[in-house]
Amino acid sequence: MKQLRVTAAVDGERAPAFYTMLADAPGVAETQVLEWNTTPAEAETVLFAVRGDAEPFAAAAPETEAVESVTLSAVDGRWTYALAAVRPHETPLFEAVRRARTRTGLVVRKPIVYRDGDMHFRVVGDADAIQAALDRAPDAMDVRVETVGTFRGALDHPASRLSDRQRAALAAAHELGYYETPRDATHEDVAAELDCAPSTASRHLQRAEAKLVDAATDEFGSGV
């Protein structure tokens, strides 16, 4: 069973207005889909978290195609929660996301993150089913697979965001005493354990540490 981290960039000229509001609205740094109630009815219910000014989002979204209503909750720190009734069948882009989420053999994990014009998400499942879903992405969507790995469970644990090489670098550094105070090892020692150049070992450690820091400071633990 595979797990992928995926980024989807949507052609701005062909992006639905609601997508632009989610991914690239002024005053909104990030929007996350936390839950999505898939129903046989035309309207489905989506729980969003909005980091930024959610009031313009709530006011304008019902005027866009495929959105019936948006209700805001009280602000929780940097985030405002929004419950939206949407009709994904009316917008090809959202219908494609819905189809991907309901395909046999894979699961699109939440949160789905909209940031800086792009959509980021994680997929777990059978390799053939995942590839079939990616192959059927709409023409307006440029899908990039950022990482591919074996699903190990505990997907939302910060360590699950590390590549195999980053995980090996951290394990070697920890075993050698790189994180002791004072340090008992150097980048050179870690590199010797990994059989790579010191600069490569340093890069693996820096990227792994950055991912763990991001996870520790991310309220929803999206890691995407």
N, C-alpha and C. Protein backbone atom coordinates (compact mmCIF):
# COMPACT_ATOMS: atom_id res chain seq x y z
N MET A 1 0.85 -1.19 0.00
CA MET A 1 0.00 0.00 0.00
C MET A 1 0.89 1.24 0.00
N LYS A 2 0.58 2.17 -0.89
CA LYS A 2 1.39 3.36 -1.07
C LYS A 2 0.77 4.58 -0.39
N GLN A 3 1.62 5.54 -0.07
CA GLN A 3 1.13 6.84 0.35
C GLN A 3 1.85 7.91 -0.47
N LEU A 4 1.09 8.88 -0.95
CA LEU A 4 1.61 9.96 -1.77
C LEU A 4 1.24 11.29 -1.17
N ARG A 5 2.14 12.25 -1.32
CA ARG A 5 1.81 13.64 -1.07
C ARG A 5 1.76 14.33 -2.42
N VAL A 6 0.65 15.01 -2.68
CA VAL A 6 0.36 15.52 -4.01
C VAL A 6 0.07 17.01 -3.95
N THR A 7 0.56 17.74 -4.96
CA THR A 7 0.21 19.15 -5.15
C THR A 7 -0.48 19.28 -6.50
N ALA A 8 -1.61 19.97 -6.50
CA ALA A 8 -2.35 20.21 -7.75
C ALA A 8 -2.39 21.71 -8.00
N ALA A 9 -1.81 22.12 -9.09
CA ALA A 9 -1.85 23.52 -9.51
C ALA A 9 -2.93 23.66 -10.57
N VAL A 10 -3.80 24.64 -10.40
CA VAL A 10 -4.94 24.81 -11.30
C VAL A 10 -4.73 26.04 -12.17
N ASP A 11 -4.98 25.90 -13.44
CA ASP A 11 -4.89 27.02 -14.38
C ASP A 11 -5.82 28.13 -13.90
N GLY A 12 -5.24 29.29 -13.61
CA GLY A 12 -6.02 30.40 -13.06
C GLY A 12 -7.17 30.84 -13.94
N GLU A 13 -6.98 30.76 -15.24
CA GLU A 13 -8.04 31.20 -16.16
C GLU A 13 -9.21 30.23 -16.20
N ARG A 14 -8.97 28.99 -15.83
CA ARG A 14 -10.04 27.98 -15.86
C ARG A 14 -10.50 27.55 -14.48
N ALA A 15 -9.93 28.13 -13.45
CA ALA A 15 -10.29 27.75 -12.09
C ALA A 15 -11.66 28.33 -11.73
N PRO A 16 -12.53 27.54 -11.11
CA PRO A 16 -13.81 28.08 -10.64
C PRO A 16 -13.58 29.19 -9.61
N ALA A 17 -14.52 30.10 -9.54
CA ALA A 17 -14.37 31.22 -8.61
C ALA A 17 -14.21 30.74 -7.17
N PHE A 18 -14.94 29.69 -6.80
CA PHE A 18 -14.86 29.20 -5.43
C PHE A 18 -13.48 28.63 -5.14
N TYR A 19 -12.88 27.96 -6.12
CA TYR A 19 -11.52 27.45 -5.93
C TYR A 19 -10.56 28.60 -5.67
N THR A 20 -10.67 29.67 -6.45
CA THR A 20 -9.79 30.83 -6.25
C THR A 20 -9.98 31.42 -4.86
N MET A 21 -11.22 31.43 -4.38
CA MET A 21 -11.47 31.94 -3.04
C MET A 21 -10.79 31.08 -1.98
N LEU A 22 -10.78 29.77 -2.20
CA LEU A 22 -10.15 28.87 -1.25
C LEU A 22 -8.64 28.96 -1.28
N ALA A 23 -8.08 29.04 -2.50
CA ALA A 23 -6.64 28.87 -2.66
C ALA A 23 -5.86 30.16 -2.76
N ASP A 24 -6.51 31.25 -3.12
CA ASP A 24 -5.73 32.45 -3.43
C ASP A 24 -6.49 33.73 -3.16
N ALA A 25 -7.33 33.74 -2.12
CA ALA A 25 -8.12 34.93 -1.81
C ALA A 25 -7.30 35.93 -1.03
N PRO A 26 -7.42 37.23 -1.33
CA PRO A 26 -6.73 38.25 -0.54
C PRO A 26 -7.16 38.16 0.92
N GLY A 27 -6.21 38.25 1.81
CA GLY A 27 -6.51 38.21 3.23
C GLY A 27 -6.64 36.82 3.82
N VAL A 28 -6.55 35.78 2.99
CA VAL A 28 -6.62 34.41 3.47
C VAL A 28 -5.29 33.72 3.16
N ALA A 29 -4.59 33.30 4.21
CA ALA A 29 -3.29 32.65 4.01
C ALA A 29 -3.44 31.18 3.63
N GLU A 30 -4.50 30.54 4.13
CA GLU A 30 -4.66 29.10 3.89
C GLU A 30 -6.09 28.69 4.23
N THR A 31 -6.62 27.75 3.45
CA THR A 31 -7.91 27.15 3.75
C THR A 31 -7.73 25.64 3.76
N GLN A 32 -8.37 24.97 4.73
CA GLN A 32 -8.27 23.52 4.82
C GLN A 32 -9.66 22.89 4.84
N VAL A 33 -9.81 21.81 4.08
CA VAL A 33 -11.00 20.98 4.18
C VAL A 33 -10.75 19.98 5.31
N LEU A 34 -11.53 20.10 6.39
CA LEU A 34 -11.36 19.21 7.53
C LEU A 34 -12.24 17.97 7.45
N GLU A 35 -13.47 18.16 7.00
CA GLU A 35 -14.41 17.04 6.84
C GLU A 35 -15.30 17.32 5.64
N TRP A 36 -15.76 16.23 5.00
CA TRP A 36 -16.61 16.37 3.83
C TRP A 36 -17.66 15.28 3.90
N ASN A 37 -18.90 15.65 4.07
CA ASN A 37 -20.00 14.70 4.17
C ASN A 37 -20.54 14.40 2.78
N THR A 38 -20.11 13.28 2.21
CA THR A 38 -20.56 12.87 0.88
C THR A 38 -21.93 12.23 0.99
N THR A 39 -22.89 12.75 0.24
CA THR A 39 -24.27 12.25 0.30
C THR A 39 -24.79 12.02 -1.11
N PRO A 40 -25.86 11.22 -1.25
CA PRO A 40 -26.46 11.02 -2.57
C PRO A 40 -27.13 12.28 -3.10
N ALA A 41 -27.48 13.20 -2.20
CA ALA A 41 -28.15 14.43 -2.62
C ALA A 41 -27.18 15.34 -3.37
N GLU A 42 -27.75 16.32 -4.06
CA GLU A 42 -26.91 17.24 -4.82
C GLU A 42 -26.02 18.07 -3.91
N ALA A 43 -26.56 18.54 -2.79
CA ALA A 43 -25.78 19.38 -1.88
C ALA A 43 -25.05 18.53 -0.86
N GLU A 44 -23.78 18.82 -0.66
CA GLU A 44 -22.97 18.14 0.34
C GLU A 44 -22.44 19.17 1.32
N THR A 45 -22.05 18.71 2.50
CA THR A 45 -21.62 19.62 3.56
C THR A 45 -20.12 19.48 3.78
N VAL A 46 -19.42 20.62 3.76
CA VAL A 46 -17.97 20.63 3.92
C VAL A 46 -17.62 21.53 5.09
N LEU A 47 -16.73 21.03 5.97
CA LEU A 47 -16.22 21.83 7.08
C LEU A 47 -14.84 22.36 6.71
N PHE A 48 -14.72 23.69 6.63
CA PHE A 48 -13.46 24.34 6.30
C PHE A 48 -12.87 24.99 7.54
N ALA A 49 -11.55 25.14 7.53
CA ALA A 49 -10.86 26.02 8.46
C ALA A 49 -10.16 27.08 7.63
N VAL A 50 -10.37 28.33 7.97
CA VAL A 50 -9.83 29.45 7.21
C VAL A 50 -8.85 30.22 8.09
N ARG A 51 -7.61 30.34 7.61
CA ARG A 51 -6.62 31.14 8.34
C ARG A 51 -6.52 32.50 7.67
N GLY A 52 -7.11 33.49 8.30
CA GLY A 52 -7.16 34.83 7.72
C GLY A 52 -8.55 35.41 7.93
N ASP A 53 -8.88 36.40 7.12
CA ASP A 53 -10.17 37.08 7.23
C ASP A 53 -11.23 36.26 6.51
N ALA A 54 -12.07 35.56 7.28
CA ALA A 54 -13.06 34.67 6.67
C ALA A 54 -14.37 35.37 6.32
N GLU A 55 -14.57 36.58 6.79
CA GLU A 55 -15.84 37.26 6.54
C GLU A 55 -16.11 37.48 5.05
N PRO A 56 -15.14 38.01 4.28
CA PRO A 56 -15.39 38.15 2.84
C PRO A 56 -15.65 36.81 2.15
N PHE A 57 -14.97 35.77 2.61
CA PHE A 57 -15.19 34.43 2.07
C PHE A 57 -16.62 33.99 2.29
N ALA A 58 -17.13 34.15 3.51
CA ALA A 58 -18.49 33.72 3.83
C ALA A 58 -19.53 34.53 3.07
N ALA A 59 -19.24 35.80 2.86
CA ALA A 59 -20.21 36.66 2.17
C ALA A 59 -20.25 36.39 0.67
N ALA A 60 -19.09 36.15 0.07
CA ALA A 60 -19.03 36.02 -1.38
C ALA A 60 -19.24 34.60 -1.90
N ALA A 61 -18.89 33.60 -1.11
CA ALA A 61 -18.95 32.22 -1.59
C ALA A 61 -20.34 31.80 -2.08
N PRO A 62 -21.44 32.14 -1.36
CA PRO A 62 -22.76 31.72 -1.85
C PRO A 62 -23.14 32.34 -3.19
N GLU A 63 -22.43 33.37 -3.62
CA GLU A 63 -22.70 33.98 -4.92
C GLU A 63 -21.99 33.27 -6.05
N THR A 64 -21.10 32.32 -5.71
CA THR A 64 -20.34 31.61 -6.72
C THR A 64 -21.06 30.32 -7.12
N GLU A 65 -20.64 29.78 -8.24
CA GLU A 65 -21.22 28.53 -8.72
C GLU A 65 -20.96 27.41 -7.74
N ALA A 66 -21.96 26.61 -7.45
CA ALA A 66 -21.87 25.36 -6.69
C ALA A 66 -21.91 25.54 -5.18
N VAL A 67 -22.03 26.76 -4.66
CA VAL A 67 -22.08 26.97 -3.22
C VAL A 67 -23.45 27.50 -2.82
N GLU A 68 -24.12 26.80 -1.92
CA GLU A 68 -25.43 27.23 -1.47
C GLU A 68 -25.36 28.19 -0.28
N SER A 69 -24.51 27.86 0.69
CA SER A 69 -24.45 28.69 1.89
C SER A 69 -23.15 28.45 2.62
N VAL A 70 -22.76 29.44 3.45
CA VAL A 70 -21.58 29.33 4.30
C VAL A 70 -21.94 29.91 5.66
N THR A 71 -21.67 29.15 6.71
CA THR A 71 -21.90 29.61 8.08
C THR A 71 -20.58 29.59 8.84
N LEU A 72 -20.24 30.72 9.46
CA LEU A 72 -18.98 30.83 10.19
C LEU A 72 -19.18 30.53 11.67
N SER A 73 -18.12 29.98 12.27
CA SER A 73 -18.11 29.78 13.71
C SER A 73 -17.33 30.92 14.35
N ALA A 74 -17.21 30.86 15.68
CA ALA A 74 -16.34 31.81 16.37
C ALA A 74 -14.89 31.55 15.97
N VAL A 75 -14.09 32.58 16.03
CA VAL A 75 -12.68 32.46 15.69
C VAL A 75 -11.94 31.69 16.78
N ASP A 76 -11.09 30.76 16.38
CA ASP A 76 -10.28 29.98 17.31
C ASP A 76 -8.82 30.26 17.01
N GLY A 77 -8.24 31.21 17.73
CA GLY A 77 -6.86 31.59 17.45
C GLY A 77 -6.75 32.21 16.07
N ARG A 78 -5.88 31.65 15.24
CA ARG A 78 -5.69 32.17 13.88
C ARG A 78 -6.77 31.67 12.92
N TRP A 79 -7.60 30.70 13.34
CA TRP A 79 -8.47 30.00 12.42
C TRP A 79 -9.94 30.33 12.68
N THR A 80 -10.70 30.39 11.60
CA THR A 80 -12.16 30.48 11.66
C THR A 80 -12.71 29.25 10.94
N TYR A 81 -13.73 28.62 11.52
CA TYR A 81 -14.33 27.45 10.91
C TYR A 81 -15.55 27.85 10.10
N ALA A 82 -15.72 27.22 8.96
CA ALA A 82 -16.83 27.54 8.07
C ALA A 82 -17.50 26.25 7.62
N LEU A 83 -18.81 26.19 7.78
CA LEU A 83 -19.60 25.05 7.32
C LEU A 83 -20.31 25.47 6.05
N ALA A 84 -20.00 24.78 4.95
CA ALA A 84 -20.52 25.17 3.65
C ALA A 84 -21.34 24.05 3.03
N ALA A 85 -22.45 24.43 2.41
CA ALA A 85 -23.24 23.50 1.60
C ALA A 85 -22.85 23.72 0.14
N VAL A 86 -22.30 22.69 -0.49
CA VAL A 86 -21.79 22.82 -1.86
C VAL A 86 -22.44 21.78 -2.76
N ARG A 87 -22.43 22.08 -4.07
CA ARG A 87 -22.95 21.16 -5.08
C ARG A 87 -21.81 20.84 -6.05
N PRO A 88 -20.96 19.87 -5.71
CA PRO A 88 -19.77 19.60 -6.53
C PRO A 88 -20.10 19.18 -7.95
N HIS A 89 -21.28 18.59 -8.18
CA HIS A 89 -21.63 18.12 -9.52
C HIS A 89 -21.70 19.27 -10.53
N GLU A 90 -21.88 20.49 -10.04
CA GLU A 90 -22.05 21.62 -10.95
C GLU A 90 -20.73 22.22 -11.41
N THR A 91 -19.63 21.79 -10.84
CA THR A 91 -18.32 22.33 -11.20
C THR A 91 -17.38 21.18 -11.53
N PRO A 92 -16.92 21.06 -12.78
CA PRO A 92 -16.08 19.91 -13.16
C PRO A 92 -14.87 19.70 -12.26
N LEU A 93 -14.23 20.79 -11.82
CA LEU A 93 -13.04 20.64 -11.00
C LEU A 93 -13.37 19.99 -9.65
N PHE A 94 -14.43 20.47 -9.00
CA PHE A 94 -14.81 19.90 -7.71
C PHE A 94 -15.41 18.50 -7.88
N GLU A 95 -16.07 18.26 -8.98
CA GLU A 95 -16.60 16.92 -9.24
C GLU A 95 -15.45 15.93 -9.40
N ALA A 96 -14.33 16.37 -10.00
CA ALA A 96 -13.17 15.51 -10.16
C ALA A 96 -12.58 15.14 -8.80
N VAL A 97 -12.51 16.12 -7.89
CA VAL A 97 -12.02 15.85 -6.55
C VAL A 97 -12.95 14.87 -5.84
N ARG A 98 -14.24 15.09 -6.01
CA ARG A 98 -15.21 14.19 -5.38
C ARG A 98 -15.08 12.77 -5.92
N ARG A 99 -14.90 12.63 -7.21
CA ARG A 99 -14.75 11.29 -7.79
C ARG A 99 -13.50 10.61 -7.25
N ALA A 100 -12.41 11.38 -7.13
CA ALA A 100 -11.17 10.80 -6.60
C ALA A 100 -11.37 10.30 -5.18
N ARG A 101 -12.15 11.05 -4.39
CA ARG A 101 -12.37 10.68 -3.00
C ARG A 101 -13.26 9.44 -2.86
N THR A 102 -14.03 9.11 -3.90
CA THR A 102 -14.96 7.99 -3.81
C THR A 102 -14.52 6.79 -4.65
N ARG A 103 -13.30 6.83 -5.19
CA ARG A 103 -12.81 5.71 -5.98
C ARG A 103 -12.48 4.53 -5.08
N THR A 104 -12.75 3.33 -5.57
CA THR A 104 -12.37 2.12 -4.86
C THR A 104 -10.86 1.95 -4.89
N GLY A 105 -10.27 1.58 -3.78
CA GLY A 105 -8.85 1.27 -3.73
C GLY A 105 -7.97 2.37 -3.23
N LEU A 106 -8.54 3.54 -2.89
CA LEU A 106 -7.71 4.62 -2.37
C LEU A 106 -8.52 5.49 -1.42
N VAL A 107 -7.79 6.23 -0.61
CA VAL A 107 -8.39 7.18 0.32
C VAL A 107 -7.64 8.50 0.19
N VAL A 108 -8.37 9.59 -0.01
CA VAL A 108 -7.78 10.93 0.05
C VAL A 108 -7.89 11.39 1.50
N ARG A 109 -6.73 11.57 2.13
CA ARG A 109 -6.72 11.93 3.54
C ARG A 109 -6.96 13.43 3.72
N LYS A 110 -7.59 13.76 4.82
CA LYS A 110 -7.80 15.16 5.19
C LYS A 110 -6.79 15.54 6.27
N PRO A 111 -6.42 16.82 6.34
CA PRO A 111 -7.02 17.93 5.59
C PRO A 111 -6.52 18.02 4.15
N ILE A 112 -7.39 18.57 3.29
CA ILE A 112 -7.00 19.01 1.96
C ILE A 112 -6.69 20.50 2.09
N VAL A 113 -5.49 20.90 1.70
CA VAL A 113 -5.01 22.24 1.98
C VAL A 113 -4.96 23.06 0.70
N TYR A 114 -5.53 24.27 0.77
CA TYR A 114 -5.48 25.23 -0.34
C TYR A 114 -4.59 26.38 0.12
N ARG A 115 -3.51 26.60 -0.65
CA ARG A 115 -2.53 27.62 -0.24
C ARG A 115 -1.79 28.14 -1.46
N ASP A 116 -1.65 29.46 -1.56
CA ASP A 116 -0.86 30.09 -2.63
C ASP A 116 -1.29 29.60 -4.02
N GLY A 117 -2.58 29.43 -4.21
CA GLY A 117 -3.10 29.06 -5.52
C GLY A 117 -3.14 27.58 -5.80
N ASP A 118 -2.54 26.76 -4.93
CA ASP A 118 -2.46 25.32 -5.17
C ASP A 118 -3.27 24.54 -4.14
N MET A 119 -3.51 23.28 -4.46
CA MET A 119 -4.20 22.36 -3.56
C MET A 119 -3.22 21.25 -3.19
N HIS A 120 -3.14 20.93 -1.90
CA HIS A 120 -2.22 19.91 -1.40
C HIS A 120 -3.02 18.85 -0.65
N PHE A 121 -2.69 17.58 -0.90
CA PHE A 121 -3.40 16.52 -0.21
C PHE A 121 -2.55 15.25 -0.19
N ARG A 122 -3.02 14.27 0.59
CA ARG A 122 -2.33 13.00 0.72
C ARG A 122 -3.27 11.88 0.29
N VAL A 123 -2.70 10.87 -0.34
CA VAL A 123 -3.47 9.74 -0.84
C VAL A 123 -2.82 8.45 -0.32
N VAL A 124 -3.65 7.54 0.15
CA VAL A 124 -3.19 6.22 0.58
C VAL A 124 -4.00 5.18 -0.16
N GLY A 125 -3.33 4.16 -0.68
CA GLY A 125 -4.09 3.11 -1.33
C GLY A 125 -3.29 2.24 -2.25
N ASP A 126 -4.00 1.49 -3.07
CA ASP A 126 -3.40 0.61 -4.06
C ASP A 126 -2.74 1.45 -5.16
N ALA A 127 -1.55 1.04 -5.57
CA ALA A 127 -0.78 1.83 -6.53
C ALA A 127 -1.53 2.01 -7.84
N ASP A 128 -2.18 0.96 -8.35
CA ASP A 128 -2.90 1.07 -9.62
C ASP A 128 -4.09 2.02 -9.50
N ALA A 129 -4.81 1.94 -8.38
CA ALA A 129 -5.96 2.83 -8.19
C ALA A 129 -5.53 4.28 -8.09
N ILE A 130 -4.43 4.52 -7.39
CA ILE A 130 -3.91 5.89 -7.27
C ILE A 130 -3.50 6.42 -8.64
N GLN A 131 -2.78 5.60 -9.42
CA GLN A 131 -2.33 6.04 -10.73
C GLN A 131 -3.51 6.32 -11.64
N ALA A 132 -4.56 5.49 -11.58
CA ALA A 132 -5.74 5.71 -12.41
C ALA A 132 -6.41 7.03 -12.05
N ALA A 133 -6.47 7.35 -10.75
CA ALA A 133 -7.07 8.62 -10.33
C ALA A 133 -6.25 9.80 -10.82
N LEU A 134 -4.92 9.70 -10.73
CA LEU A 134 -4.06 10.78 -11.20
C LEU A 134 -4.19 10.98 -12.71
N ASP A 135 -4.31 9.86 -13.44
CA ASP A 135 -4.41 9.94 -14.90
C ASP A 135 -5.71 10.62 -15.33
N ARG A 136 -6.73 10.60 -14.47
CA ARG A 136 -8.02 11.18 -14.81
C ARG A 136 -8.19 12.60 -14.27
N ALA A 137 -7.12 13.22 -13.86
CA ALA A 137 -7.20 14.60 -13.38
C ALA A 137 -7.66 15.52 -14.52
N PRO A 138 -8.46 16.53 -14.23
CA PRO A 138 -8.92 17.45 -15.27
C PRO A 138 -7.77 18.14 -15.99
N ASP A 139 -8.00 18.54 -17.23
CA ASP A 139 -6.96 19.21 -18.01
C ASP A 139 -6.50 20.51 -17.34
N ALA A 140 -7.39 21.16 -16.61
CA ALA A 140 -7.04 22.43 -15.98
C ALA A 140 -6.15 22.25 -14.77
N MET A 141 -5.93 21.00 -14.35
CA MET A 141 -5.19 20.72 -13.12
C MET A 141 -3.85 20.05 -13.44
N ASP A 142 -2.77 20.66 -13.01
CA ASP A 142 -1.42 20.09 -13.15
C ASP A 142 -1.08 19.39 -11.85
N VAL A 143 -1.09 18.06 -11.86
CA VAL A 143 -0.89 17.28 -10.64
C VAL A 143 0.58 16.86 -10.53
N ARG A 144 1.19 17.18 -9.39
CA ARG A 144 2.58 16.80 -9.13
C ARG A 144 2.64 15.93 -7.89
N VAL A 145 3.28 14.78 -8.01
CA VAL A 145 3.49 13.91 -6.86
C VAL A 145 4.78 14.35 -6.18
N GLU A 146 4.66 14.84 -4.96
CA GLU A 146 5.82 15.38 -4.23
C GLU A 146 6.64 14.27 -3.59
N THR A 147 5.99 13.31 -2.97
CA THR A 147 6.69 12.18 -2.36
C THR A 147 5.87 10.92 -2.54
N VAL A 148 6.57 9.79 -2.65
CA VAL A 148 5.95 8.48 -2.73
C VAL A 148 6.64 7.58 -1.71
N GLY A 149 5.86 6.87 -0.94
CA GLY A 149 6.43 5.96 0.04
C GLY A 149 5.47 4.84 0.36
N THR A 150 5.92 3.96 1.23
CA THR A 150 5.08 2.87 1.70
C THR A 150 4.30 3.33 2.92
N PHE A 151 3.01 3.05 2.94
CA PHE A 151 2.19 3.44 4.07
C PHE A 151 2.58 2.61 5.28
N ARG A 152 2.97 3.30 6.36
CA ARG A 152 3.43 2.62 7.57
C ARG A 152 2.42 2.71 8.71
N GLY A 153 1.31 3.39 8.48
CA GLY A 153 0.38 3.63 9.57
C GLY A 153 0.73 4.93 10.27
N ALA A 154 -0.12 5.33 11.22
CA ALA A 154 0.10 6.57 11.98
C ALA A 154 0.44 7.71 11.04
N LEU A 155 -0.37 7.85 9.98
CA LEU A 155 -0.06 8.81 8.92
C LEU A 155 0.06 10.24 9.43
N ASP A 156 -0.71 10.56 10.47
CA ASP A 156 -0.71 11.93 10.95
C ASP A 156 0.41 12.22 11.93
N HIS A 157 1.20 11.21 12.27
CA HIS A 157 2.36 11.44 13.14
C HIS A 157 3.40 12.23 12.36
N PRO A 158 4.06 13.21 13.00
CA PRO A 158 5.05 14.01 12.27
C PRO A 158 6.11 13.19 11.55
N ALA A 159 6.52 12.06 12.13
CA ALA A 159 7.57 11.26 11.50
C ALA A 159 7.12 10.69 10.17
N SER A 160 5.81 10.59 9.92
CA SER A 160 5.33 10.03 8.67
C SER A 160 5.62 10.95 7.49
N ARG A 161 5.99 12.19 7.76
CA ARG A 161 6.25 13.14 6.69
C ARG A 161 7.68 13.06 6.16
N LEU A 162 8.50 12.27 6.83
CA LEU A 162 9.90 12.18 6.44
C LEU A 162 10.08 11.17 5.30
N SER A 163 11.01 11.48 4.41
CA SER A 163 11.39 10.49 3.41
C SER A 163 12.21 9.40 4.10
N ASP A 164 12.39 8.27 3.40
CA ASP A 164 13.18 7.18 3.98
C ASP A 164 14.60 7.64 4.31
N ARG A 165 15.16 8.46 3.43
CA ARG A 165 16.54 8.91 3.65
C ARG A 165 16.62 9.90 4.82
N GLN A 166 15.63 10.76 4.93
CA GLN A 166 15.60 11.70 6.05
C GLN A 166 15.42 10.95 7.37
N ARG A 167 14.58 9.92 7.36
CA ARG A 167 14.38 9.12 8.56
C ARG A 167 15.68 8.42 8.97
N ALA A 168 16.40 7.88 7.97
CA ALA A 168 17.66 7.20 8.25
C ALA A 168 18.70 8.18 8.81
N ALA A 169 18.71 9.41 8.27
CA ALA A 169 19.67 10.40 8.75
C ALA A 169 19.39 10.77 10.21
N LEU A 170 18.11 10.98 10.53
CA LEU A 170 17.76 11.30 11.92
C LEU A 170 18.10 10.15 12.86
N ALA A 171 17.81 8.92 12.42
CA ALA A 171 18.10 7.76 13.26
C ALA A 171 19.60 7.63 13.52
N ALA A 172 20.39 7.83 12.47
CA ALA A 172 21.85 7.75 12.63
C ALA A 172 22.36 8.86 13.55
N ALA A 173 21.86 10.07 13.34
CA ALA A 173 22.28 11.19 14.16
C ALA A 173 21.94 10.96 15.62
N HIS A 174 20.75 10.45 15.87
CA HIS A 174 20.33 10.19 17.25
C HIS A 174 21.19 9.10 17.89
N GLU A 175 21.45 8.05 17.15
CA GLU A 175 22.25 6.94 17.67
C GLU A 175 23.69 7.38 17.97
N LEU A 176 24.22 8.25 17.14
CA LEU A 176 25.60 8.69 17.30
C LEU A 176 25.77 9.78 18.36
N GLY A 177 24.66 10.36 18.81
CA GLY A 177 24.76 11.41 19.82
C GLY A 177 24.81 12.81 19.25
N TYR A 178 24.36 12.96 17.99
CA TYR A 178 24.39 14.28 17.36
C TYR A 178 23.49 15.26 18.10
N TYR A 179 22.42 14.76 18.72
CA TYR A 179 21.48 15.64 19.40
C TYR A 179 21.71 15.72 20.91
N GLU A 180 22.82 15.14 21.36
CA GLU A 180 23.17 15.27 22.77
C GLU A 180 23.72 16.68 23.04
N THR A 181 23.73 17.08 24.31
CA THR A 181 24.31 18.37 24.71
C THR A 181 25.40 18.11 25.75
N PRO A 182 26.67 18.36 25.41
CA PRO A 182 27.16 18.78 24.09
C PRO A 182 27.11 17.62 23.08
N ARG A 183 27.23 17.97 21.82
CA ARG A 183 27.13 16.96 20.77
C ARG A 183 28.29 15.98 20.85
N ASP A 184 27.92 14.70 20.58
CA ASP A 184 28.94 13.65 20.53
C ASP A 184 29.28 13.25 19.11
N ALA A 185 28.64 13.90 18.12
CA ALA A 185 28.88 13.53 16.72
C ALA A 185 28.73 14.76 15.84
N THR A 186 29.23 14.67 14.62
CA THR A 186 29.18 15.76 13.65
C THR A 186 28.47 15.29 12.37
N HIS A 187 28.30 16.25 11.45
CA HIS A 187 27.74 15.87 10.15
C HIS A 187 28.61 14.80 9.48
N GLU A 188 29.90 14.91 9.68
CA GLU A 188 30.81 13.94 9.08
C GLU A 188 30.56 12.54 9.62
N ASP A 189 30.28 12.45 10.91
CA ASP A 189 29.99 11.14 11.51
C ASP A 189 28.70 10.56 10.95
N VAL A 190 27.68 11.41 10.83
CA VAL A 190 26.41 10.94 10.27
C VAL A 190 26.60 10.52 8.82
N ALA A 191 27.39 11.29 8.07
CA ALA A 191 27.64 10.97 6.67
C ALA A 191 28.35 9.62 6.53
N ALA A 192 29.30 9.37 7.42
CA ALA A 192 30.01 8.08 7.37
C ALA A 192 29.04 6.93 7.63
N GLU A 193 28.10 7.12 8.55
CA GLU A 193 27.12 6.08 8.86
C GLU A 193 26.19 5.83 7.68
N LEU A 194 25.86 6.92 6.95
CA LEU A 194 24.94 6.80 5.82
C LEU A 194 25.66 6.50 4.51
N ASP A 195 26.99 6.57 4.54
CA ASP A 195 27.80 6.37 3.33
C ASP A 195 27.45 7.41 2.27
N CYS A 196 27.51 8.69 2.69
CA CYS A 196 27.24 9.78 1.76
C CYS A 196 28.15 10.95 2.12
N ALA A 197 28.09 12.00 1.33
CA ALA A 197 28.91 13.18 1.60
C ALA A 197 28.37 13.94 2.81
N PRO A 198 29.24 14.62 3.57
CA PRO A 198 28.76 15.41 4.72
C PRO A 198 27.70 16.43 4.34
N SER A 199 27.86 17.06 3.17
CA SER A 199 26.87 18.04 2.74
C SER A 199 25.50 17.39 2.51
N THR A 200 25.51 16.14 2.01
CA THR A 200 24.26 15.42 1.80
C THR A 200 23.61 15.07 3.14
N ALA A 201 24.42 14.60 4.08
CA ALA A 201 23.89 14.28 5.41
C ALA A 201 23.31 15.53 6.06
N SER A 202 24.01 16.65 5.93
CA SER A 202 23.52 17.91 6.50
C SER A 202 22.19 18.30 5.87
N ARG A 203 22.06 18.14 4.55
CA ARG A 203 20.82 18.50 3.86
C ARG A 203 19.67 17.61 4.32
N HIS A 204 19.91 16.31 4.47
CA HIS A 204 18.86 15.41 4.94
C HIS A 204 18.40 15.81 6.34
N LEU A 205 19.35 16.12 7.21
CA LEU A 205 18.99 16.49 8.58
C LEU A 205 18.22 17.80 8.61
N GLN A 206 18.67 18.78 7.85
CA GLN A 206 18.00 20.07 7.85
C GLN A 206 16.56 19.95 7.35
N ARG A 207 16.35 19.19 6.29
CA ARG A 207 15.01 19.04 5.74
C ARG A 207 14.11 18.25 6.70
N ALA A 208 14.68 17.22 7.32
CA ALA A 208 13.90 16.45 8.28
C ALA A 208 13.52 17.31 9.48
N GLU A 209 14.48 18.07 9.98
CA GLU A 209 14.20 18.93 11.13
C GLU A 209 13.16 19.99 10.79
N ALA A 210 13.23 20.54 9.58
CA ALA A 210 12.26 21.55 9.16
C ALA A 210 10.85 20.97 9.13
N LYS A 211 10.71 19.73 8.64
CA LYS A 211 9.40 19.09 8.59
C LYS A 211 8.84 18.87 10.00
N LEU A 212 9.71 18.46 10.92
CA LEU A 212 9.25 18.22 12.28
C LEU A 212 8.86 19.52 12.97
N VAL A 213 9.61 20.59 12.70
CA VAL A 213 9.26 21.89 13.27
C VAL A 213 7.94 22.38 12.69
N ASP A 214 7.76 22.23 11.38
CA ASP A 214 6.50 22.62 10.75
C ASP A 214 5.33 21.87 11.38
N ALA A 215 5.52 20.57 11.61
CA ALA A 215 4.44 19.76 12.20
C ALA A 215 4.12 20.23 13.61
N ALA A 216 5.15 20.60 14.36
CA ALA A 216 4.94 21.01 15.75
C ALA A 216 4.23 22.34 15.85
N THR A 217 4.35 23.18 14.82
CA THR A 217 3.74 24.52 14.87
C THR A 217 2.49 24.62 14.01
N ASP A 218 2.06 23.50 13.39
CA ASP A 218 0.88 23.47 12.54
C ASP A 218 -0.29 22.98 13.37
N GLU A 219 -1.28 23.84 13.57
CA GLU A 219 -2.40 23.50 14.46
C GLU A 219 -3.13 22.27 14.01
N PHE A 220 -3.24 22.07 12.69
CA PHE A 220 -4.00 20.93 12.20
C PHE A 220 -3.11 19.78 11.79
N GLY A 221 -1.78 19.99 11.88
CA GLY A 221 -0.88 18.91 11.54
C GLY A 221 -0.97 18.47 10.11
N SER A 222 -1.19 19.43 9.19
CA SER A 222 -1.39 19.04 7.79
C SER A 222 -0.12 18.50 7.16
N GLY A 223 1.00 19.15 7.43
CA GLY A 223 2.25 18.66 6.91
C GLY A 223 2.30 18.62 5.41
N VAL A 224 1.45 19.43 4.73
CA VAL A 224 1.42 19.36 3.29
C VAL A 224 1.82 20.69 2.68
